[in-house]
């Protein structure tokens, strides 16, 4: 298996990438910002993506997005094909795309919004810190991408100040080395509190 920077030659995998992301979201029952095959291919063409392959078989993927005129970048769409899950591949992809982001955009803040505890743990290991949405990009194009998420109404009701996702940020000016101290229990507790809060609001 190899994990490499994607390029134009990998456009043939765009369809299965989109399908795998959508299927995974349906199984988990969580929201996700949908992307088209053209969008994925554009990331590949710009070498703003990482793909994992087992010979010719698709294994996993993650891509980079630039926001706020390059002041922020996000590592999005992290996915591993069902046939290859449970082997630590997601972490390897996440590390690869994070390093690629830091090398290509060294001055940018790297951020993530996610509902997944495993992703939160991986982010924490890389040096991300939980932050409020106000500390993330103000680029409205990013938040418009959330319109295809089933939880978008929550984001709207809170004037984009919070949602079921947790915001996490890596600021190169503040973080010297990745911290592996933060426990996943912290994120689990945070997630439970936020879900409870929104469930109460929806009952009103």
Protein backbone atom coordinates (compact mmCIF):
# COMPACT_ATOMS: atom_id res chain seq x y z
CA UNK A 1 0.00 0.00 0.00
CA UNK A 2 1.18 3.56 -0.73
CA UNK A 3 0.01 6.94 0.53
CA UNK A 4 0.95 9.69 -1.91
CA UNK A 5 0.12 13.23 -3.01
CA UNK A 6 -2.70 12.91 -5.53
CA UNK A 7 -2.40 14.33 -9.04
CA UNK A 8 -4.30 14.41 -12.36
CA UNK A 9 -3.75 10.69 -12.94
CA UNK A 10 -5.89 9.85 -9.91
CA UNK A 11 -9.06 11.49 -11.27
CA UNK A 12 -10.39 7.99 -12.05
CA UNK A 13 -10.93 7.51 -8.31
CA UNK A 14 -13.07 10.64 -7.82
CA UNK A 15 -16.39 8.82 -8.15
CA UNK A 16 -15.62 6.08 -5.64
CA UNK A 17 -14.23 8.68 -3.24
CA UNK A 18 -17.49 10.66 -3.30
CA UNK A 19 -19.56 7.48 -2.96
CA UNK A 20 -17.48 6.20 -0.04
CA UNK A 21 -17.76 9.52 1.81
CA UNK A 22 -21.54 9.63 1.31
CA UNK A 23 -22.04 5.99 2.32
CA UNK A 24 -19.98 6.45 5.46
CA UNK A 25 -22.00 9.50 6.49
CA UNK A 26 -25.26 7.58 6.01
CA UNK A 27 -24.03 4.68 8.15
CA UNK A 28 -22.84 6.96 10.96
CA UNK A 29 -25.94 9.10 10.75
CA UNK A 30 -23.84 12.25 10.97
CA UNK A 31 -23.84 15.38 8.88
CA UNK A 32 -21.32 15.99 6.13
CA UNK A 33 -20.64 18.63 3.51
CA UNK A 34 -21.06 16.85 0.18
CA UNK A 35 -18.54 17.35 -2.62
CA UNK A 36 -18.87 16.64 -6.34
CA UNK A 37 -16.45 14.57 -8.39
CA UNK A 38 -15.37 17.77 -10.18
CA UNK A 39 -14.50 19.34 -6.84
CA UNK A 40 -12.41 16.32 -5.82
CA UNK A 41 -10.65 16.26 -9.20
CA UNK A 42 -9.77 19.94 -8.86
CA UNK A 43 -8.08 19.24 -5.52
CA UNK A 44 -6.10 16.44 -7.20
CA UNK A 45 -5.10 18.62 -10.14
CA UNK A 46 -3.75 21.25 -7.73
CA UNK A 47 -1.95 18.56 -5.71
CA UNK A 48 -4.02 19.51 -2.69
CA UNK A 49 -4.99 15.95 -1.79
CA UNK A 50 -3.58 12.71 -0.47
CA UNK A 51 -4.68 9.29 -1.72
CA UNK A 52 -3.94 5.79 -0.41
CA UNK A 53 -3.83 2.92 -2.89
CA UNK A 54 -3.34 -0.83 -2.64
CA UNK A 55 -1.94 -1.47 -6.11
CA UNK A 56 -4.90 -0.22 -8.21
CA UNK A 57 -7.48 -0.44 -5.43
CA UNK A 58 -8.75 2.69 -3.69
CA UNK A 59 -7.94 2.66 0.04
CA UNK A 60 -8.40 6.18 1.40
CA UNK A 61 -8.36 9.90 0.73
CA UNK A 62 -8.19 13.40 2.25
CA UNK A 63 -7.93 16.82 0.64
CA UNK A 64 -6.78 20.35 1.44
CA UNK A 65 -8.91 23.48 1.12
CA UNK A 66 -7.64 27.08 1.29
CA UNK A 67 -9.77 29.76 2.96
CA UNK A 68 -9.44 33.43 3.83
CA UNK A 69 -6.90 34.14 1.09
CA UNK A 70 -4.64 31.35 2.33
CA UNK A 71 -4.66 32.39 5.99
CA UNK A 72 -6.47 29.15 6.84
CA UNK A 73 -6.39 25.65 5.39
CA UNK A 74 -8.58 22.68 6.22
CA UNK A 75 -7.90 18.97 5.82
CA UNK A 76 -11.28 17.67 4.77
CA UNK A 77 -13.05 14.58 3.48
CA UNK A 78 -10.92 12.05 5.36
CA UNK A 79 -12.20 8.62 4.35
CA UNK A 80 -11.04 5.00 4.28
CA UNK A 81 -12.72 2.33 2.17
CA UNK A 82 -14.70 -0.20 4.29
CA UNK A 83 -12.43 -3.04 3.17
CA UNK A 84 -9.42 -1.36 4.78
CA UNK A 85 -10.83 0.07 8.01
CA UNK A 86 -9.57 -0.84 11.45
CA UNK A 87 -5.91 -0.93 10.36
CA UNK A 88 -4.79 2.55 11.36
CA UNK A 89 -4.79 3.81 7.78
CA UNK A 90 -6.88 6.90 8.55
CA UNK A 91 -4.22 8.11 10.97
CA UNK A 92 -1.48 7.64 8.36
CA UNK A 93 -3.48 9.58 5.77
CA UNK A 94 -4.23 12.31 8.30
CA UNK A 95 -0.55 12.66 9.18
CA UNK A 96 0.46 12.74 5.50
CA UNK A 97 -2.05 15.44 4.53
CA UNK A 98 -1.21 17.49 7.64
CA UNK A 99 2.52 17.45 6.84
CA UNK A 100 1.76 18.30 3.21
CA UNK A 101 -0.40 21.23 4.37
CA UNK A 102 2.34 22.53 6.66
CA UNK A 103 4.97 22.32 3.92
CA UNK A 104 2.81 23.86 1.21
CA UNK A 105 1.17 26.52 3.38
CA UNK A 106 3.62 27.07 6.29
CA UNK A 107 2.05 30.32 7.53
CA UNK A 108 -1.55 29.11 7.43
CA UNK A 109 -3.60 28.01 10.41
CA UNK A 110 -4.89 24.46 9.91
CA UNK A 111 -8.41 23.83 11.13
CA UNK A 112 -11.04 21.12 11.26
CA UNK A 113 -14.70 20.78 12.18
CA UNK A 114 -15.84 17.26 12.91
CA UNK A 115 -18.33 15.15 14.86
CA UNK A 116 -16.02 12.11 14.88
CA UNK A 117 -14.16 11.25 18.07
CA UNK A 118 -11.39 9.36 16.21
CA UNK A 119 -10.71 12.45 14.07
CA UNK A 120 -10.67 14.64 17.18
CA UNK A 121 -8.09 12.33 18.75
CA UNK A 122 -5.93 12.36 15.60
CA UNK A 123 -6.16 16.16 15.46
CA UNK A 124 -5.15 16.41 19.10
CA UNK A 125 -2.12 14.18 18.51
CA UNK A 126 -1.02 16.53 15.73
CA UNK A 127 -1.27 19.59 17.94
CA UNK A 128 -4.77 20.91 17.19
CA UNK A 129 -6.69 22.58 20.03
CA UNK A 130 -10.49 22.79 20.49
CA UNK A 131 -11.69 26.32 19.66
CA UNK A 132 -14.90 28.23 19.14
CA UNK A 133 -16.13 28.74 15.58
CA UNK A 134 -15.26 32.43 15.91
CA UNK A 135 -11.56 31.49 15.80
CA UNK A 136 -11.94 29.70 12.47
CA UNK A 137 -12.06 31.19 8.99
CA UNK A 138 -14.55 34.00 8.35
CA UNK A 139 -14.65 33.00 4.67
CA UNK A 140 -18.37 32.57 3.98
CA UNK A 141 -17.62 30.18 1.13
CA UNK A 142 -16.47 27.63 3.70
CA UNK A 143 -19.63 27.88 5.77
CA UNK A 144 -21.78 27.77 2.64
CA UNK A 145 -20.33 24.31 2.06
CA UNK A 146 -22.19 23.17 5.17
CA UNK A 147 -25.54 23.71 3.45
CA UNK A 148 -25.61 20.07 2.29
CA UNK A 149 -25.13 18.85 5.87
CA UNK A 150 -28.31 17.64 7.59
CA UNK A 151 -27.38 19.69 10.66
CA UNK A 152 -27.16 22.96 8.74
CA UNK A 153 -30.27 24.31 10.46
CA UNK A 154 -28.40 24.18 13.78
CA UNK A 155 -25.59 26.28 12.33
CA UNK A 156 -28.13 28.78 11.04
CA UNK A 157 -30.00 29.04 14.33
CA UNK A 158 -26.78 29.88 16.16
CA UNK A 159 -25.60 32.43 13.59
CA UNK A 160 -22.66 30.13 12.73
CA UNK A 161 -21.36 30.27 16.30
CA UNK A 162 -21.73 26.54 17.00
CA UNK A 163 -23.09 23.25 15.70
CA UNK A 164 -22.81 19.52 16.44
CA UNK A 165 -19.30 19.66 15.01
CA UNK A 166 -16.34 20.57 17.21
CA UNK A 167 -13.94 23.18 15.88
CA UNK A 168 -10.21 22.45 16.19
CA UNK A 169 -7.26 24.62 15.20
CA UNK A 170 -3.52 24.23 14.68
CA UNK A 171 -1.85 27.63 14.88
CA UNK A 172 1.82 27.37 13.77
CA UNK A 173 2.64 30.51 15.76
CA UNK A 174 1.41 28.97 19.01
CA UNK A 175 2.13 25.26 18.67
CA UNK A 176 5.74 24.11 18.71
CA UNK A 177 5.25 20.34 18.90
CA UNK A 178 2.21 18.05 18.62
CA UNK A 179 0.67 17.31 22.00
CA UNK A 180 -0.51 13.78 22.79
CA UNK A 181 -1.65 14.55 26.32
CA UNK A 182 -5.29 15.47 25.68
CA UNK A 183 -7.54 12.52 26.42
CA UNK A 184 -10.27 11.40 24.04
CA UNK A 185 -12.57 11.42 27.10
CA UNK A 186 -12.46 15.22 27.02
CA UNK A 187 -13.82 15.28 23.48
CA UNK A 188 -16.43 12.63 24.28
CA UNK A 189 -17.69 14.70 27.18
CA UNK A 190 -17.74 17.84 25.00
CA UNK A 191 -19.70 16.02 22.31
CA UNK A 192 -22.26 14.70 24.80
CA UNK A 193 -22.80 18.17 26.26
CA UNK A 194 -23.32 19.72 22.82
CA UNK A 195 -25.70 16.98 21.67
CA UNK A 196 -27.72 17.31 24.86
CA UNK A 197 -27.92 21.07 24.38
CA UNK A 198 -29.27 20.82 20.83
CA UNK A 199 -31.69 18.02 21.68
CA UNK A 200 -33.25 20.25 24.32
CA UNK A 201 -33.54 23.10 21.82
CA UNK A 202 -35.21 20.86 19.24
CA UNK A 203 -37.82 19.72 21.77
CA UNK A 204 -38.94 23.29 22.39
